[in-house]
Amino acid sequence: QVQLVESGGGLVQAGGSLRLSCAASGRTFSSYAMGWFRQAVGKERECVATINRSGGTTYYADSVKGRFTISRDNAKNTVYLQMNSLKPEDTAVYYCAADLRTGWSTSTRPYDYEHWGQGTQVAVSS
């Protein structure tokens, strides 16, 4: 089992920055891939970024490429999402999730992730 706790959300003006953190416990953190997803009101959950177990492979949705950076610190059992140049359309609840399959590849499909955090709200004002 894996437990995930997100933090770092909040209200920010357009053009601002936030850093989300997700602390993991349970299974050895360096053995699985992680993803950040978001869900806006009335929309489906979408994959924002993923990172494999070593941190050597990452993926970004086109909508955040060049603005967001995913990283992980396996010594601290934590994955991060640095969000810069935020836009009102980034407003959503952000979730971190754990994919306990191979760990070396990543998936953008929510159903491949067995464990989810409780979510943290990000609101960007114009």
Foldseek 3Di string as FASTA:
>chain_A
DKAKAKDWADEEAAQAKIKMKIAMDDPQLLQWKKFKWWDAPPDDIWTAKIAFSVRPDMDGDPVQPPFWDWGDDSVRRMIMIIGGRDDQVVWTWMKMFIQNDRRGDDDGDPVNTDDIYPTDTHGYHD
